[in-house]
Amino acid sequence: MADEQNPQMPTDGSEQLFSFGVIADIQYADLEDGYNFHRSRRRYYRHSLLHLQGAIEDWNKESKTLCCVLQLGDIIDGYNAKYKASEKSLELVMDTFKVLKVPVHHTWGNHEFYNFSRDYLTNSKLNTKFLEDQIVHHPETIPSEDYYAYHFVPFPKFRFILLDAYDLSVLGIDPSSPKYQQGMKILREHNPNEELNSPQGLSEPQFVQYNGGFSQEQLCWLNEVLTFSDTNQEKVVIVSHLPIYPEASDSVCLAWNYTDALAVIWAHKCVVCFFAGHTHDGGYSEDPFGVHHVNLEGVIETAPDSQAFGTVHVYPDKMMLKGRGRIPDRIMNYKKEEASHS
């Protein structure tokens, strides 16, 4: 490609290392267009599949092959369960993904749990844990089977961590289980509303049923992986359906215990970027510790004449998000190492 060897481009820190695709909230259903809960935004249930096909075509044509695609959750809409079409719709979307020439990592969101139990998902094609990296001689970095999380290495010195934002939740689990009771206890302590999906009157509006949180066990595991990455000078990208930084998200969309997740991340220097979905509106903010929080605009609320996906190009000193349609371009510089004598 002629443009790849541009003599005007400086060489210091600007050589592209690898790239990956990002897409969120496809929420496919074989339904006429509808509206969101507040009837303020249109949802294009059928067209979301065409948007996905367009994204895959684009990714397959990238001049430098992607290492992978991150699918940030809510792959099919909860309406499928009502019409007994969950398996059929999932099959249709997964067949569409088969055309993609690179691996896709699937995150689980609330709509996965509206359609399927956690046990079903664990045994489904949406479980991409088989793509994980195992760090030899570091058993503490192996995730538990109690939550759906793992890490992998797309390129030397870069580690991606996929988190389970519904590890604490009342969705997709048996109401008689201790885990459900724990989730319900947390929810009821913070949300007195009869309708648990309503944030009305809440001082912490994230405590609604369609959100969830991270167990202490998962956060301890995350801490161990980040400790390893710090020691080995790795840069880390974290992926979650739910966002964790208030400046980049509507507060009603945050993970229940987002502050706990931030505390773990901020105790380390290796994390450069946190990708989430869920909000549909998108959002972005760089936090005080130099972590870039990117909430992707959702495919489901993207008009037929637009698009909503991106490709992230990774360089030694930054990541560049090239957005399509509703998703804006972003340059995300890594924070500079502070001089040790300061």
C-alpha atoms as a PDB file:
ATOM      1  CA  MET A   1       0.000   0.000   0.000  1.00  0.00           C
ATOM      2  CA  ALA A   2       1.450   3.352  -1.040  1.00  0.00           C
ATOM      3  CA  ASP A   3       0.309   5.249   2.040  1.00  0.00           C
ATOM      4  CA  GLU A   4       2.013   2.862   4.463  1.00  0.00           C
ATOM      5  CA  GLN A   5       5.501   4.029   3.501  1.00  0.00           C
ATOM      6  CA  ASN A   6       4.932   7.760   3.718  1.00  0.00           C
ATOM      7  CA  PRO A   7       8.423   9.376   3.852  1.00  0.00           C
ATOM      8  CA  GLN A   8       7.033  12.424   5.680  1.00  0.00           C
ATOM      9  CA  MET A   9       5.950  10.308   8.665  1.00  0.00           C
ATOM     10  CA  PRO A  10       8.347  10.485  11.623  1.00  0.00           C
ATOM     11  CA  THR A  11       9.645   7.073  12.685  1.00  0.00           C
ATOM     12  CA  ASP A  12      10.048   7.628  16.423  1.00  0.00           C
ATOM     13  CA  GLY A  13       7.180   5.918  18.238  1.00  0.00           C
ATOM     14  CA  SER A  14       4.979   6.022  15.186  1.00  0.00           C
ATOM     15  CA  GLU A  15       5.352   2.530  13.751  1.00  0.00           C
ATOM     16  CA  GLN A  16       2.027   0.731  13.935  1.00  0.00           C
ATOM     17  CA  LEU A  17       2.340  -2.416  16.035  1.00  0.00           C
ATOM     18  CA  PHE A  18      -1.084  -4.017  15.587  1.00  0.00           C
ATOM     19  CA  SER A  19      -4.778  -3.157  15.387  1.00  0.00           C
ATOM     20  CA  PHE A  20      -8.118  -4.524  16.594  1.00  0.00           C
ATOM     21  CA  GLY A  21     -11.808  -3.943  15.963  1.00  0.00           C
ATOM     22  CA  VAL A  22     -14.448  -2.787  18.460  1.00  0.00           C
ATOM     23  CA  ILE A  23     -18.248  -2.983  18.309  1.00  0.00           C
ATOM     24  CA  ALA A  24     -20.982  -2.797  20.963  1.00  0.00           C
ATOM     25  CA  ASP A  25     -24.690  -3.388  21.571  1.00  0.00           C
ATOM     26  CA  ILE A  26     -25.744  -5.006  18.308  1.00  0.00           C
ATOM     27  CA  GLN A  27     -28.988  -6.201  19.982  1.00  0.00           C
ATOM     28  CA  TYR A  28     -30.316  -7.941  16.888  1.00  0.00           C
ATOM     29  CA  ALA A  29     -33.953  -9.090  16.760  1.00  0.00           C
ATOM     30  CA  ASP A  30     -36.185  -9.957  13.822  1.00  0.00           C
ATOM     31  CA  LEU A  31     -38.519  -7.080  14.690  1.00  0.00           C
ATOM     32  CA  GLU A  32     -39.755  -3.788  13.253  1.00  0.00           C
ATOM     33  CA  ASP A  33     -37.993  -0.682  14.578  1.00  0.00           C
ATOM     34  CA  GLY A  34     -38.914   0.238  18.135  1.00  0.00           C
ATOM     35  CA  TYR A  35     -37.860   2.648  20.865  1.00  0.00           C
ATOM     36  CA  ASN A  36     -35.816   2.624  24.047  1.00  0.00           C
ATOM     37  CA  PHE A  37     -37.365   2.398  27.515  1.00  0.00           C
ATOM     38  CA  HIS A  38     -38.047   6.149  27.656  1.00  0.00           C
ATOM     39  CA  ARG A  39     -39.306   6.223  24.038  1.00  0.00           C
ATOM     40  CA  SER A  40     -36.757   8.939  23.284  1.00  0.00           C
ATOM     41  CA  ARG A  41     -34.499   7.040  20.864  1.00  0.00           C
ATOM     42  CA  ARG A  42     -35.250   4.749  17.949  1.00  0.00           C
ATOM     43  CA  ARG A  43     -33.944   1.170  17.877  1.00  0.00           C
ATOM     44  CA  TYR A  44     -33.230  -0.553  14.566  1.00  0.00           C
ATOM     45  CA  TYR A  45     -33.558  -4.239  15.492  1.00  0.00           C
ATOM     46  CA  ARG A  46     -33.325  -5.812  12.033  1.00  0.00           C
ATOM     47  CA  HIS A  47     -30.886  -3.343  10.572  1.00  0.00           C
ATOM     48  CA  SER A  48     -28.315  -4.017  13.301  1.00  0.00           C
ATOM     49  CA  LEU A  49     -27.370  -7.222  11.464  1.00  0.00           C
ATOM     50  CA  LEU A  50     -26.647  -5.222   8.287  1.00  0.00           C
ATOM     51  CA  HIS A  51     -24.476  -2.855  10.325  1.00  0.00           C
ATOM     52  CA  LEU A  52     -22.542  -5.864  11.641  1.00  0.00           C
ATOM     53  CA  GLN A  53     -22.100  -7.220   8.103  1.00  0.00           C
ATOM     54  CA  GLY A  54     -20.785  -3.815   6.995  1.00  0.00           C
ATOM     55  CA  ALA A  55     -18.338  -3.700   9.912  1.00  0.00           C
ATOM     56  CA  ILE A  56     -17.011  -7.184   9.128  1.00  0.00           C
ATOM     57  CA  GLU A  57     -16.559  -6.310   5.437  1.00  0.00           C
ATOM     58  CA  ASP A  58     -14.567  -3.259   6.469  1.00  0.00           C
ATOM     59  CA  TRP A  59     -12.410  -5.143   9.007  1.00  0.00           C
ATOM     60  CA  ASN A  60     -11.651  -7.878   6.481  1.00  0.00           C
ATOM     61  CA  LYS A  61     -10.408  -5.217   4.048  1.00  0.00           C
ATOM     62  CA  GLU A  62      -7.995  -3.497   6.476  1.00  0.00           C
ATOM     63  CA  SER A  63      -4.578  -3.206   4.819  1.00  0.00           C
ATOM     64  CA  LYS A  64      -2.917  -4.615   7.961  1.00  0.00           C
ATOM     65  CA  THR A  65      -4.758  -7.674   9.270  1.00  0.00           C
ATOM     66  CA  LEU A  66      -6.400  -7.097  12.652  1.00  0.00           C
ATOM     67  CA  CYS A  67      -5.352  -9.279  15.567  1.00  0.00           C
ATOM     68  CA  CYS A  68      -8.961  -9.628  16.775  1.00  0.00           C
ATOM     69  CA  VAL A  69     -12.329  -7.950  17.293  1.00  0.00           C
ATOM     70  CA  LEU A  70     -13.781  -7.082  20.717  1.00  0.00           C
ATOM     71  CA  GLN A  71     -17.569  -7.491  20.863  1.00  0.00           C
ATOM     72  CA  LEU A  72     -18.632  -5.551  23.957  1.00  0.00           C
ATOM     73  CA  GLY A  73     -21.884  -7.334  24.783  1.00  0.00           C
ATOM     74  CA  ASP A  74     -25.653  -7.253  24.130  1.00  0.00           C
ATOM     75  CA  ILE A  75     -25.253  -9.198  20.898  1.00  0.00           C
ATOM     76  CA  ILE A  76     -29.004  -9.935  20.592  1.00  0.00           C
ATOM     77  CA  ASP A  77     -31.951  -8.079  22.130  1.00  0.00           C
ATOM     78  CA  GLY A  78     -33.969  -9.209  25.134  1.00  0.00           C
ATOM     79  CA  TYR A  79     -37.127  -9.162  22.996  1.00  0.00           C
ATOM     80  CA  ASN A  80     -35.938 -12.438  21.450  1.00  0.00           C
ATOM     81  CA  ALA A  81     -36.767 -14.250  24.702  1.00  0.00           C
ATOM     82  CA  LYS A  82     -40.354 -12.968  24.575  1.00  0.00           C
ATOM     83  CA  TYR A  83     -40.785 -14.361  21.058  1.00  0.00           C
ATOM     84  CA  LYS A  84     -38.873 -17.606  21.796  1.00  0.00           C
ATOM     85  CA  ALA A  85     -36.316 -16.613  19.155  1.00  0.00           C
ATOM     86  CA  SER A  86     -33.157 -16.383  21.293  1.00  0.00           C
ATOM     87  CA  GLU A  87     -31.302 -19.368  19.825  1.00  0.00           C
ATOM     88  CA  LYS A  88     -32.332 -18.604  16.253  1.00  0.00           C
ATOM     89  CA  SER A  89     -31.234 -14.950  16.502  1.00  0.00           C
ATOM     90  CA  LEU A  90     -27.952 -15.850  18.172  1.00  0.00           C
ATOM     91  CA  GLU A  91     -27.246 -18.400  15.444  1.00  0.00           C
ATOM     92  CA  LEU A  92     -27.894 -15.779  12.766  1.00  0.00           C
ATOM     93  CA  VAL A  93     -25.497 -13.292  14.360  1.00  0.00           C
ATOM     94  CA  MET A  94     -22.830 -15.947  14.982  1.00  0.00           C
ATOM     95  CA  ASP A  95     -23.123 -17.085  11.352  1.00  0.00           C
ATOM     96  CA  THR A  96     -22.516 -13.471  10.322  1.00  0.00           C
ATOM     97  CA  PHE A  97     -19.365 -13.394  12.475  1.00  0.00           C
ATOM     98  CA  LYS A  98     -18.064 -16.529  10.697  1.00  0.00           C
ATOM     99  CA  VAL A  99     -17.150 -14.330   7.704  1.00  0.00           C
ATOM    100  CA  LEU A 100     -14.712 -12.384   9.913  1.00  0.00           C
ATOM    101  CA  LYS A 101     -11.135 -13.461   9.192  1.00  0.00           C
ATOM    102  CA  VAL A 102      -9.859 -12.949  12.756  1.00  0.00           C
ATOM    103  CA  PRO A 103     -10.948 -14.154  16.222  1.00  0.00           C
ATOM    104  CA  VAL A 104     -13.706 -12.300  18.085  1.00  0.00           C
ATOM    105  CA  HIS A 105     -13.786 -11.990  21.872  1.00  0.00           C
ATOM    106  CA  HIS A 106     -17.312 -11.863  23.279  1.00  0.00           C
ATOM    107  CA  THR A 107     -18.287  -9.903  26.398  1.00  0.00           C
ATOM    108  CA  TRP A 108     -21.567 -10.670  28.194  1.00  0.00           C
ATOM    109  CA  GLY A 109     -24.108  -7.897  28.858  1.00  0.00           C
ATOM    110  CA  ASN A 110     -27.590  -7.723  30.348  1.00  0.00           C
ATOM    111  CA  HIS A 111     -29.268  -8.747  27.085  1.00  0.00           C
ATOM    112  CA  GLU A 112     -27.290 -12.009  26.994  1.00  0.00           C
ATOM    113  CA  PHE A 113     -28.802 -12.773  30.406  1.00  0.00           C
ATOM    114  CA  TYR A 114     -32.343 -11.782  29.323  1.00  0.00           C
ATOM    115  CA  ASN A 115     -32.051 -14.515  26.677  1.00  0.00           C
ATOM    116  CA  PHE A 116     -29.929 -17.191  28.323  1.00  0.00           C
ATOM    117  CA  SER A 117     -28.882 -18.513  31.701  1.00  0.00           C
ATOM    118  CA  ARG A 118     -25.252 -18.157  32.755  1.00  0.00           C
ATOM    119  CA  ASP A 119     -24.874 -21.944  32.440  1.00  0.00           C
ATOM    120  CA  TYR A 120     -26.148 -21.815  28.843  1.00  0.00           C
ATOM    121  CA  LEU A 121     -23.719 -18.996  27.968  1.00  0.00           C
ATOM    122  CA  THR A 122     -20.802 -20.878  29.513  1.00  0.00           C
ATOM    123  CA  ASN A 123     -21.445 -23.760  27.105  1.00  0.00           C
ATOM    124  CA  SER A 124     -22.207 -21.550  24.095  1.00  0.00           C
ATOM    125  CA  LYS A 125     -20.179 -19.998  21.261  1.00  0.00           C
ATOM    126  CA  LEU A 126     -20.328 -16.727  23.210  1.00  0.00           C
ATOM    127  CA  ASN A 127     -17.797 -18.188  25.636  1.00  0.00           C
ATOM    128  CA  THR A 128     -14.428 -17.256  24.118  1.00  0.00           C
ATOM    129  CA  LYS A 129     -12.353 -18.124  27.176  1.00  0.00           C
ATOM    130  CA  PHE A 130     -10.521 -20.733  25.059  1.00  0.00           C
ATOM    131  CA  LEU A 131      -8.645 -17.768  23.518  1.00  0.00           C
ATOM    132  CA  GLU A 132      -7.083 -16.902  26.892  1.00  0.00           C
ATOM    133  CA  ASP A 133      -3.386 -16.668  27.656  1.00  0.00           C
ATOM    134  CA  GLN A 134      -1.990 -18.648  30.551  1.00  0.00           C
ATOM    135  CA  ILE A 135       0.993 -17.189  32.352  1.00  0.00           C
ATOM    136  CA  VAL A 136       3.410 -19.976  33.241  1.00  0.00           C
ATOM    137  CA  HIS A 137       4.336 -20.221  36.937  1.00  0.00           C
ATOM    138  CA  HIS A 138       1.706 -17.628  37.910  1.00  0.00           C
ATOM    139  CA  PRO A 139      -1.385 -19.599  39.007  1.00  0.00           C
ATOM    140  CA  GLU A 140      -2.768 -16.481  40.707  1.00  0.00           C
ATOM    141  CA  THR A 141      -3.447 -15.023  37.240  1.00  0.00           C
ATOM    142  CA  ILE A 142      -5.776 -17.910  36.296  1.00  0.00           C
ATOM    143  CA  PRO A 143      -9.419 -16.759  36.582  1.00  0.00           C
ATOM    144  CA  SER A 144     -11.982 -18.731  38.561  1.00  0.00           C
ATOM    145  CA  GLU A 145     -14.812 -20.606  36.847  1.00  0.00           C
ATOM    146  CA  ASP A 146     -17.227 -18.604  39.044  1.00  0.00           C
ATOM    147  CA  TYR A 147     -17.126 -15.621  36.695  1.00  0.00           C
ATOM    148  CA  TYR A 148     -16.532 -15.113  32.962  1.00  0.00           C
ATOM    149  CA  ALA A 149     -13.236 -13.273  32.679  1.00  0.00           C
ATOM    150  CA  TYR A 150      -9.865 -13.935  31.102  1.00  0.00           C
ATOM    151  CA  HIS A 151      -6.797 -12.226  29.631  1.00  0.00           C
ATOM    152  CA  PHE A 152      -4.860 -12.648  26.393  1.00  0.00           C
ATOM    153  CA  VAL A 153      -1.818 -11.241  24.607  1.00  0.00           C
ATOM    154  CA  PRO A 154      -2.552  -9.900  21.096  1.00  0.00           C
ATOM    155  CA  PHE A 155       1.006  -8.612  20.673  1.00  0.00           C
ATOM    156  CA  PRO A 156       4.172  -8.804  22.836  1.00  0.00           C
ATOM    157  CA  LYS A 157       4.016  -6.476  25.870  1.00  0.00           C
ATOM    158  CA  PHE A 158       0.262  -5.822  25.461  1.00  0.00           C
ATOM    159  CA  ARG A 159      -2.309  -7.659  27.574  1.00  0.00           C
ATOM    160  CA  PHE A 160      -6.095  -7.454  27.114  1.00  0.00           C
ATOM    161  CA  ILE A 161      -8.360  -8.309  30.051  1.00  0.00           C
ATOM    162  CA  LEU A 162     -12.019  -9.169  29.568  1.00  0.00           C
ATOM    163  CA  LEU A 163     -14.110  -8.581  32.719  1.00  0.00           C
ATOM    164  CA  ASP A 164     -17.460  -9.991  33.865  1.00  0.00           C
ATOM    165  CA  ALA A 165     -19.587  -6.978  34.862  1.00  0.00           C
ATOM    166  CA  TYR A 166     -22.523  -9.247  35.856  1.00  0.00           C
ATOM    167  CA  ASP A 167     -20.527 -11.359  38.279  1.00  0.00           C
ATOM    168  CA  LEU A 168     -22.677  -9.676  40.956  1.00  0.00           C
ATOM    169  CA  SER A 169     -26.173  -9.646  39.478  1.00  0.00           C
ATOM    170  CA  VAL A 170     -29.676 -11.072  39.624  1.00  0.00           C
ATOM    171  CA  LEU A 171     -29.741 -11.801  35.880  1.00  0.00           C
ATOM    172  CA  GLY A 172     -29.317 -15.239  34.322  1.00  0.00           C
ATOM    173  CA  ILE A 173     -29.048 -17.179  37.568  1.00  0.00           C
ATOM    174  CA  ASP A 174     -31.360 -19.370  39.610  1.00  0.00           C
ATOM    175  CA  PRO A 175     -33.310 -17.275  42.172  1.00  0.00           C
ATOM    176  CA  SER A 176     -32.679 -19.985  44.780  1.00  0.00           C
ATOM    177  CA  SER A 177     -28.875 -19.684  44.451  1.00  0.00           C
ATOM    178  CA  PRO A 178     -26.726 -17.864  47.040  1.00  0.00           C
ATOM    179  CA  LYS A 179     -25.274 -15.705  44.249  1.00  0.00           C
ATOM    180  CA  TYR A 180     -28.743 -14.472  43.263  1.00  0.00           C
ATOM    181  CA  GLN A 181     -29.562 -13.745  46.905  1.00  0.00           C
ATOM    182  CA  GLN A 182     -26.318 -11.818  47.298  1.00  0.00           C
ATOM    183  CA  GLY A 183     -27.120  -9.762  44.177  1.00  0.00           C
ATOM    184  CA  MET A 184     -30.668  -9.067  45.331  1.00  0.00           C
ATOM    185  CA  LYS A 185     -29.435  -8.012  48.773  1.00  0.00           C
ATOM    186  CA  ILE A 186     -27.034  -5.469  47.207  1.00  0.00           C
ATOM    187  CA  LEU A 187     -29.763  -4.182  44.890  1.00  0.00           C
ATOM    188  CA  ARG A 188     -32.414  -3.839  47.629  1.00  0.00           C
ATOM    189  CA  GLU A 189     -29.978  -2.093  49.986  1.00  0.00           C
ATOM    190  CA  HIS A 190     -29.448   0.642  47.400  1.00  0.00           C
ATOM    191  CA  ASN A 191     -32.769   0.652  45.535  1.00  0.00           C
ATOM    192  CA  PRO A 192     -36.064   0.824  47.475  1.00  0.00           C
ATOM    193  CA  ASN A 193     -38.162   1.129  44.286  1.00  0.00           C
ATOM    194  CA  GLU A 194     -40.748  -1.530  43.546  1.00  0.00           C
ATOM    195  CA  GLU A 195     -39.516  -1.500  39.927  1.00  0.00           C
ATOM    196  CA  LEU A 196     -35.853  -2.447  40.310  1.00  0.00           C
ATOM    197  CA  ASN A 197     -35.021  -1.190  36.812  1.00  0.00           C
ATOM    198  CA  SER A 198     -36.026   2.316  37.891  1.00  0.00           C
ATOM    199  CA  PRO A 199     -33.339   4.695  39.205  1.00  0.00           C
ATOM    200  CA  GLN A 200     -35.995   7.160  40.401  1.00  0.00           C
ATOM    201  CA  GLY A 201     -34.910   8.990  43.547  1.00  0.00           C
ATOM    202  CA  LEU A 202     -31.640   7.080  43.899  1.00  0.00           C
ATOM    203  CA  SER A 203     -28.501   8.874  45.086  1.00  0.00           C
ATOM    204  CA  GLU A 204     -26.542   6.074  43.349  1.00  0.00           C
ATOM    205  CA  PRO A 205     -28.558   5.552  40.164  1.00  0.00           C
ATOM    206  CA  GLN A 206     -26.358   2.685  38.936  1.00  0.00           C
ATOM    207  CA  PHE A 207     -28.115   0.323  41.379  1.00  0.00           C
ATOM    208  CA  VAL A 208     -30.729  -0.943  38.943  1.00  0.00           C
ATOM    209  CA  GLN A 209     -31.435  -4.496  37.841  1.00  0.00           C
ATOM    210  CA  TYR A 210     -30.060  -4.114  34.295  1.00  0.00           C
ATOM    211  CA  ASN A 211     -26.610  -3.339  35.715  1.00  0.00           C
ATOM    212  CA  GLY A 212     -24.337  -5.572  37.772  1.00  0.00           C
ATOM    213  CA  GLY A 213     -20.982  -5.586  39.475  1.00  0.00           C
ATOM    214  CA  PHE A 214     -17.627  -7.259  40.046  1.00  0.00           C
ATOM    215  CA  SER A 215     -17.186  -9.730  42.909  1.00  0.00           C
ATOM    216  CA  GLN A 216     -14.318  -9.282  45.340  1.00  0.00           C
ATOM    217  CA  GLU A 217     -12.896 -12.535  43.990  1.00  0.00           C
ATOM    218  CA  GLN A 218     -12.801 -11.175  40.427  1.00  0.00           C
ATOM    219  CA  LEU A 219     -11.270  -7.871  41.570  1.00  0.00           C
ATOM    220  CA  CYS A 220      -8.534  -9.757  43.459  1.00  0.00           C
ATOM    221  CA  TRP A 221      -7.803 -11.745  40.291  1.00  0.00           C
ATOM    222  CA  LEU A 222      -7.689  -8.496  38.258  1.00  0.00           C
ATOM    223  CA  ASN A 223      -5.240  -7.076  40.793  1.00  0.00           C
ATOM    224  CA  GLU A 224      -2.962 -10.122  40.372  1.00  0.00           C
ATOM    225  CA  VAL A 225      -2.954  -9.844  36.568  1.00  0.00           C
ATOM    226  CA  LEU A 226      -2.232  -6.091  36.732  1.00  0.00           C
ATOM    227  CA  THR A 227       0.596  -6.743  39.210  1.00  0.00           C
ATOM    228  CA  PHE A 228       2.140  -9.177  36.712  1.00  0.00           C
ATOM    229  CA  SER A 229       1.709  -6.633  33.888  1.00  0.00           C
ATOM    230  CA  ASP A 230       3.317  -3.877  35.970  1.00  0.00           C
ATOM    231  CA  THR A 231       6.306  -6.091  36.735  1.00  0.00           C
ATOM    232  CA  ASN A 232       6.711  -7.060  33.092  1.00  0.00           C
ATOM    233  CA  GLN A 233       6.228  -3.559  31.635  1.00  0.00           C
ATOM    234  CA  GLU A 234       3.082  -4.543  29.757  1.00  0.00           C
ATOM    235  CA  LYS A 235       0.398  -2.142  28.585  1.00  0.00           C
ATOM    236  CA  VAL A 236      -3.124  -3.270  29.425  1.00  0.00           C
ATOM    237  CA  VAL A 237      -6.491  -2.783  27.735  1.00  0.00           C
ATOM    238  CA  ILE A 238      -9.575  -3.714  29.792  1.00  0.00           C
ATOM    239  CA  VAL A 239     -12.912  -4.684  28.244  1.00  0.00           C
ATOM    240  CA  SER A 240     -16.285  -4.732  30.037  1.00  0.00           C
ATOM    241  CA  HIS A 241     -19.920  -4.406  29.017  1.00  0.00           C
ATOM    242  CA  LEU A 242     -20.487  -1.866  31.793  1.00  0.00           C
ATOM    243  CA  PRO A 243     -18.473   1.349  32.052  1.00  0.00           C
ATOM    244  CA  ILE A 244     -16.765   2.300  35.318  1.00  0.00           C
ATOM    245  CA  TYR A 245     -15.877   5.987  34.996  1.00  0.00           C
ATOM    246  CA  PRO A 246     -18.632   8.559  35.678  1.00  0.00           C
ATOM    247  CA  GLU A 247     -17.131  11.292  33.469  1.00  0.00           C
ATOM    248  CA  ALA A 248     -17.446   9.021  30.420  1.00  0.00           C
ATOM    249  CA  SER A 249     -20.918   7.652  31.094  1.00  0.00           C
ATOM    250  CA  ASP A 250     -24.452   8.374  32.122  1.00  0.00           C
ATOM    251  CA  SER A 251     -24.443   7.468  35.851  1.00  0.00           C
ATOM    252  CA  VAL A 252     -27.408   5.112  35.407  1.00  0.00           C
ATOM    253  CA  CYS A 253     -25.234   2.870  33.194  1.00  0.00           C
ATOM    254  CA  LEU A 254     -22.244   2.374  35.515  1.00  0.00           C
ATOM    255  CA  ALA A 255     -21.297  -0.920  37.158  1.00  0.00           C
ATOM    256  CA  TRP A 256     -22.703  -1.174  40.690  1.00  0.00           C
ATOM    257  CA  ASN A 257     -19.280  -1.063  42.385  1.00  0.00           C
ATOM    258  CA  TYR A 258     -17.428   0.917  39.744  1.00  0.00           C
ATOM    259  CA  THR A 259     -15.406   2.668  42.471  1.00  0.00           C
ATOM    260  CA  ASP A 260     -13.931  -0.698  43.572  1.00  0.00           C
ATOM    261  CA  ALA A 261     -12.871  -1.476  39.998  1.00  0.00           C
ATOM    262  CA  LEU A 262     -11.307   1.977  39.609  1.00  0.00           C
ATOM    263  CA  ALA A 263      -9.405   1.578  42.896  1.00  0.00           C
ATOM    264  CA  VAL A 264      -7.792  -1.641  41.615  1.00  0.00           C
ATOM    265  CA  ILE A 265      -6.908  -0.118  38.225  1.00  0.00           C
ATOM    266  CA  TRP A 266      -5.561   3.104  39.737  1.00  0.00           C
ATOM    267  CA  ALA A 267      -3.242   1.127  42.030  1.00  0.00           C
ATOM    268  CA  HIS A 268      -1.293   0.071  38.904  1.00  0.00           C
ATOM    269  CA  LYS A 269       0.500   1.933  36.146  1.00  0.00           C
ATOM    270  CA  CYS A 270      -0.067  -0.541  33.296  1.00  0.00           C
ATOM    271  CA  VAL A 271      -3.683   0.176  32.231  1.00  0.00           C
ATOM    272  CA  VAL A 272      -3.965   2.461  29.222  1.00  0.00           C
ATOM    273  CA  CYS A 273      -7.538   1.990  28.050  1.00  0.00           C
ATOM    274  CA  PHE A 274     -10.936   0.741  29.250  1.00  0.00           C
ATOM    275  CA  PHE A 275     -13.536  -0.120  26.580  1.00  0.00           C
ATOM    276  CA  ALA A 276     -17.236  -0.493  27.453  1.00  0.00           C
ATOM    277  CA  GLY A 277     -20.639  -0.559  25.790  1.00  0.00           C
ATOM    278  CA  HIS A 278     -24.124  -0.427  27.390  1.00  0.00           C
ATOM    279  CA  THR A 279     -24.763   3.319  27.213  1.00  0.00           C
ATOM    280  CA  HIS A 280     -25.672   3.366  23.457  1.00  0.00           C
ATOM    281  CA  ASP A 281     -24.838   7.101  23.499  1.00  0.00           C
ATOM    282  CA  GLY A 282     -21.123   6.613  23.741  1.00  0.00           C
ATOM    283  CA  GLY A 283     -18.770   8.663  25.870  1.00  0.00           C
ATOM    284  CA  TYR A 284     -15.103   9.343  26.489  1.00  0.00           C
ATOM    285  CA  SER A 285     -12.876  10.663  29.243  1.00  0.00           C
ATOM    286  CA  GLU A 286      -9.260  10.388  30.296  1.00  0.00           C
ATOM    287  CA  ASP A 287      -9.129   9.885  34.056  1.00  0.00           C
ATOM    288  CA  PRO A 288      -6.543  11.556  36.376  1.00  0.00           C
ATOM    289  CA  PHE A 289      -4.323   8.467  36.126  1.00  0.00           C
ATOM    290  CA  GLY A 290      -4.134   8.635  32.334  1.00  0.00           C
ATOM    291  CA  VAL A 291      -6.531   5.754  31.638  1.00  0.00           C
ATOM    292  CA  HIS A 292      -8.690   6.410  28.558  1.00  0.00           C
ATOM    293  CA  HIS A 293     -12.319   5.362  29.120  1.00  0.00           C
ATOM    294  CA  VAL A 294     -14.056   4.741  25.806  1.00  0.00           C
ATOM    295  CA  ASN A 295     -17.771   3.926  25.766  1.00  0.00           C
ATOM    296  CA  LEU A 296     -18.797   2.870  22.292  1.00  0.00           C
ATOM    297  CA  GLU A 297     -21.952   4.125  20.622  1.00  0.00           C
ATOM    298  CA  GLY A 298     -24.390   1.208  20.258  1.00  0.00           C
ATOM    299  CA  VAL A 299     -25.212  -0.387  16.910  1.00  0.00           C
ATOM    300  CA  ILE A 300     -28.859  -0.845  17.976  1.00  0.00           C
ATOM    301  CA  GLU A 301     -29.563   2.917  17.966  1.00  0.00           C
ATOM    302  CA  THR A 302     -27.651   3.631  14.753  1.00  0.00           C
ATOM    303  CA  ALA A 303     -29.732   4.735  11.760  1.00  0.00           C
ATOM    304  CA  PRO A 304     -29.539   2.649   8.557  1.00  0.00           C
ATOM    305  CA  ASP A 305     -27.585   5.360   6.729  1.00  0.00           C
ATOM    306  CA  SER A 306     -24.871   5.520   9.412  1.00  0.00           C
ATOM    307  CA  GLN A 307     -22.574   3.023  11.185  1.00  0.00           C
ATOM    308  CA  ALA A 308     -21.172   2.258  14.664  1.00  0.00           C
ATOM    309  CA  PHE A 309     -17.898   0.372  14.898  1.00  0.00           C
ATOM    310  CA  GLY A 310     -14.222   1.206  15.040  1.00  0.00           C
ATOM    311  CA  THR A 311     -10.692  -0.001  14.457  1.00  0.00           C
ATOM    312  CA  VAL A 312      -8.019   0.775  17.028  1.00  0.00           C
ATOM    313  CA  HIS A 313      -4.475   1.170  15.676  1.00  0.00           C
ATOM    314  CA  VAL A 314      -1.835   0.581  18.332  1.00  0.00           C
ATOM    315  CA  TYR A 315       1.525   2.384  18.347  1.00  0.00           C
ATOM    316  CA  PRO A 316       4.409   2.365  20.852  1.00  0.00           C
ATOM    317  CA  ASP A 317       3.251   5.713  22.313  1.00  0.00           C
ATOM    318  CA  LYS A 318      -0.525   5.810  21.696  1.00  0.00           C
ATOM    319  CA  MET A 319      -3.686   4.143  20.451  1.00  0.00           C
ATOM    320  CA  MET A 320      -5.728   5.701  17.651  1.00  0.00           C
ATOM    321  CA  LEU A 321      -9.406   4.854  17.356  1.00  0.00           C
ATOM    322  CA  LYS A 322     -10.647   5.225  13.800  1.00  0.00           C
ATOM    323  CA  GLY A 323     -14.410   5.404  14.210  1.00  0.00           C
ATOM    324  CA  ARG A 324     -17.067   4.798  11.573  1.00  0.00           C
ATOM    325  CA  GLY A 325     -20.425   6.565  11.417  1.00  0.00           C
ATOM    326  CA  ARG A 326     -21.475   7.640  14.928  1.00  0.00           C
ATOM    327  CA  ILE A 327     -18.166   6.698  16.529  1.00  0.00           C
ATOM    328  CA  PRO A 328     -15.684   9.595  16.592  1.00  0.00           C
ATOM    329  CA  ASP A 329     -11.951   9.266  16.000  1.00  0.00           C
ATOM    330  CA  ARG A 330      -9.812   9.481  19.133  1.00  0.00           C
ATOM    331  CA  ILE A 331      -6.097   9.753  19.823  1.00  0.00           C
ATOM    332  CA  MET A 332      -5.222   8.151  23.153  1.00  0.00           C
ATOM    333  CA  ASN A 333      -1.676   8.890  24.245  1.00  0.00           C
ATOM    334  CA  TYR A 334      -0.120   6.698  26.905  1.00  0.00           C
ATOM    335  CA  LYS A 335       0.719   8.524  30.095  1.00  0.00           C
ATOM    336  CA  LYS A 336       4.351   9.486  30.376  1.00  0.00           C
ATOM    337  CA  GLU A 337       6.445   7.640  32.944  1.00  0.00           C
ATOM    338  CA  GLU A 338       7.282  10.015  35.778  1.00  0.00           C
ATOM    339  CA  ALA A 339      10.950  10.480  36.449  1.00  0.00           C
ATOM    340  CA  SER A 340      11.933   8.323  39.415  1.00  0.00           C
ATOM    341  CA  HIS A 341      13.725  11.171  41.216  1.00  0.00           C
ATOM    342  CA  SER A 342      10.639  13.414  41.354  1.00  0.00           C
END
